[in-house]
Amino acid sequence: MKRASKVRISFVISLILGVCLVFGSYFFSKSLARWKRLKRALLVARQEQSKAEAVRRELLRRDRIMTRLGNLVNRARELGLTPEQWDQYDVEVQQAITFPQLSTILRQTNTGNNYYFEPMFIYLLKSQPRKEGGEQPPSTEQEKPSTEQRLEPDGGDIFLKLKGRFLVRK
């Protein structure tokens, strides 16, 4: 009887251990799946945190830029550089001119203390003698244009096309 009782006790213990093993493996697999889910969630949270940090840095950078821009605008107001204190004059020249006239015009487009020239474009085209029939003389010869020839464009050494705007302090 003792032997049968030992066999029963061993059977019950093995049955309990088997049930514990089955439930243990079930709970272990559930906890493993939950751990993987939490690991993924942690990865996503870290990515979101890095994105939020990048946005925060960008906002701080923009705030610094806006502060500097505000300081610049205030300084410009103090110096009288606001649009209300300046007149605008549009300039457009399209004509053939001589070299001394070109020199004068280019000197006038410099910037001074009370005015500023804002160029849009400048084109300089060399005038070449052409015959009435549209033929060009050979480029090696240096001939003066006769009455049969005309300069393209007429009236100067160079054709100037200039467009811009003068800003003048009131």
Protein backbone atom coordinates (compact mmCIF):
# COMPACT_ATOMS: atom_id res chain seq x y z
CA MET A 1 0.00 0.00 0.00
CA LYS A 2 2.75 2.26 0.65
CA ARG A 3 3.94 1.75 -2.82
CA ALA A 4 0.51 2.53 -4.31
CA SER A 5 0.25 5.60 -2.18
CA LYS A 6 3.68 6.75 -3.40
CA VAL A 7 2.63 6.14 -7.00
CA ARG A 8 -0.58 8.15 -6.49
CA ILE A 9 1.29 11.00 -4.85
CA SER A 10 3.83 10.96 -7.71
CA PHE A 11 0.98 10.90 -10.24
CA VAL A 12 -0.79 13.85 -8.58
CA ILE A 13 2.47 15.78 -8.34
CA SER A 14 3.27 15.06 -12.02
CA LEU A 15 -0.27 16.04 -12.98
CA ILE A 16 0.07 19.31 -11.02
CA LEU A 17 3.48 19.97 -12.54
CA GLY A 18 2.12 19.22 -16.06
CA VAL A 19 -0.79 21.62 -15.53
CA CYS A 20 1.66 24.23 -14.15
CA LEU A 21 3.89 23.70 -17.18
CA VAL A 22 0.97 24.13 -19.62
CA PHE A 23 -0.33 27.25 -17.86
CA GLY A 24 3.22 28.57 -17.41
CA SER A 25 3.99 28.24 -21.10
CA TYR A 26 0.64 29.86 -21.97
CA PHE A 27 1.28 32.84 -19.67
CA PHE A 28 4.89 33.06 -20.83
CA SER A 29 3.82 33.28 -24.49
CA LYS A 30 1.22 35.94 -23.58
CA SER A 31 3.79 37.97 -21.66
CA LEU A 32 6.29 37.59 -24.52
CA ALA A 33 3.73 38.90 -27.00
CA ARG A 34 2.91 41.79 -24.65
CA TRP A 35 6.62 42.54 -24.24
CA LYS A 36 7.03 42.73 -28.05
CA ARG A 37 3.99 45.04 -28.29
CA LEU A 38 5.39 47.27 -25.56
CA LYS A 39 8.80 47.29 -27.25
CA ARG A 40 7.19 48.45 -30.52
CA ALA A 41 5.17 51.08 -28.63
CA LEU A 42 8.36 52.30 -26.95
CA LEU A 43 10.10 52.58 -30.32
CA VAL A 44 7.19 54.58 -31.75
CA ALA A 45 7.14 56.80 -28.65
CA ARG A 46 10.88 57.48 -29.01
CA GLN A 47 10.40 58.39 -32.67
CA GLU A 48 7.54 60.73 -31.77
CA GLN A 49 9.68 62.24 -29.02
CA SER A 50 12.53 62.90 -31.47
CA LYS A 51 10.07 64.48 -33.95
CA ALA A 52 8.63 66.67 -31.18
CA GLU A 53 12.16 67.67 -30.16
CA ALA A 54 12.98 68.60 -33.77
CA VAL A 55 9.80 70.70 -33.96
CA ARG A 56 10.70 72.37 -30.66
CA ARG A 57 14.21 73.20 -31.93
CA GLU A 58 12.74 74.58 -35.18
CA LEU A 59 10.29 76.75 -33.23
CA LEU A 60 13.12 78.08 -31.06
CA ARG A 61 15.16 78.83 -34.18
CA ARG A 62 12.23 80.66 -35.78
CA ASP A 63 11.63 82.57 -32.56
CA ARG A 64 15.27 83.72 -32.55
CA ILE A 65 14.99 84.75 -36.21
CA MET A 66 11.78 86.69 -35.55
CA THR A 67 13.41 88.44 -32.58
CA ARG A 68 16.40 89.43 -34.71
CA LEU A 69 14.07 90.58 -37.49
CA GLY A 70 12.05 92.65 -35.02
CA ASN A 71 15.27 94.25 -33.77
CA LEU A 72 16.27 95.00 -37.37
CA VAL A 73 12.90 96.60 -38.14
CA ASN A 74 13.07 98.70 -34.97
CA ARG A 75 16.60 99.81 -35.84
CA ALA A 76 15.50 100.67 -39.39
CA ARG A 77 12.66 102.81 -37.99
CA GLU A 78 15.11 104.60 -35.70
CA LEU A 79 17.36 105.36 -38.67
CA GLY A 80 14.46 106.52 -40.85
CA LEU A 81 14.63 103.63 -43.29
CA THR A 82 10.90 102.95 -43.48
CA PRO A 83 9.11 103.07 -46.86
CA GLU A 84 7.13 106.17 -45.86
CA GLN A 85 10.36 108.17 -45.64
CA TRP A 86 11.59 107.26 -49.13
CA ASP A 87 10.37 108.20 -52.62
CA GLN A 88 10.65 105.78 -55.53
CA TYR A 89 11.51 106.79 -59.07
CA ASP A 90 11.45 104.23 -61.84
CA VAL A 91 14.16 104.52 -64.46
CA GLU A 92 14.13 103.01 -67.93
CA VAL A 93 16.68 103.88 -70.61
CA GLN A 94 16.73 102.31 -74.07
CA GLN A 95 18.92 104.22 -76.47
CA ALA A 96 22.24 104.35 -78.24
CA ILE A 97 24.78 106.40 -76.30
CA THR A 98 28.42 107.36 -76.45
CA PHE A 99 31.06 106.07 -74.06
CA PRO A 100 31.25 109.32 -72.04
CA GLN A 101 27.46 109.24 -71.63
CA LEU A 102 27.70 105.60 -70.50
CA SER A 103 30.31 106.56 -67.92
CA THR A 104 28.06 109.34 -66.58
CA ILE A 105 25.01 107.08 -66.40
CA LEU A 106 26.91 104.33 -64.60
CA ARG A 107 28.29 106.83 -62.06
CA GLN A 108 24.73 108.04 -61.41
CA THR A 109 23.58 104.51 -60.61
CA ASN A 110 25.88 104.29 -57.60
CA THR A 111 24.45 104.29 -54.11
CA GLY A 112 24.83 107.30 -51.82
CA ASN A 113 23.80 108.24 -48.28
CA ASN A 114 20.43 109.65 -49.30
CA TYR A 115 19.65 107.52 -52.32
CA TYR A 116 19.92 103.95 -53.47
CA PHE A 117 19.70 102.52 -56.97
CA GLU A 118 17.97 99.16 -57.24
CA PRO A 119 18.82 97.72 -60.69
CA MET A 120 16.49 95.27 -62.40
CA PHE A 121 18.65 94.71 -65.48
CA ILE A 122 21.29 96.31 -67.66
CA TYR A 123 22.15 95.32 -71.21
CA LEU A 124 25.01 96.78 -73.22
CA LEU A 125 25.11 95.95 -76.92
CA LYS A 126 28.00 96.91 -79.15
CA SER A 127 26.98 98.89 -82.21
CA GLN A 128 28.40 97.55 -85.47
CA PRO A 129 28.26 99.20 -88.88
CA ARG A 130 25.87 97.53 -91.31
CA LYS A 131 25.17 98.21 -94.94
CA GLU A 132 21.68 99.05 -96.09
CA GLY A 133 21.34 95.73 -97.88
CA GLY A 134 21.94 93.84 -94.65
CA GLU A 135 25.50 92.78 -95.56
CA GLN A 136 28.17 93.17 -92.93
CA PRO A 137 31.63 94.43 -93.81
CA PRO A 138 34.57 92.12 -93.11
CA SER A 139 35.51 92.24 -89.45
CA THR A 140 39.24 92.69 -90.16
CA GLU A 141 38.82 96.05 -91.87
CA GLN A 142 38.44 99.23 -89.81
CA GLU A 143 36.23 101.45 -91.95
CA LYS A 144 34.31 104.50 -90.91
CA PRO A 145 30.61 104.20 -91.62
CA SER A 146 29.68 106.18 -94.71
CA THR A 147 26.34 107.69 -95.52
CA GLU A 148 25.37 104.38 -97.12
CA GLN A 149 26.04 102.57 -93.84
CA ARG A 150 24.18 103.07 -90.61
CA LEU A 151 24.89 102.13 -87.01
CA GLU A 152 22.58 99.62 -85.38
CA PRO A 153 21.29 101.30 -83.25
CA ASP A 154 21.68 104.84 -84.57
CA GLY A 155 23.35 107.67 -82.69
CA GLY A 156 26.00 106.15 -80.43
CA ASP A 157 28.86 103.82 -79.77
CA ILE A 158 26.88 101.40 -77.64
CA PHE A 159 23.21 100.57 -77.09
CA LEU A 160 22.15 100.78 -73.44
CA LYS A 161 19.06 99.15 -72.05
CA LEU A 162 18.76 99.90 -68.33
CA LYS A 163 15.84 99.44 -65.99
CA GLY A 164 15.75 100.04 -62.27
CA ARG A 165 14.44 102.15 -59.44
CA PHE A 166 15.91 104.98 -57.40
CA LEU A 167 14.97 105.14 -53.73
CA VAL A 168 15.50 108.69 -52.48
CA ARG A 169 15.20 109.84 -48.87
CA LYS A 170 12.50 112.48 -48.39
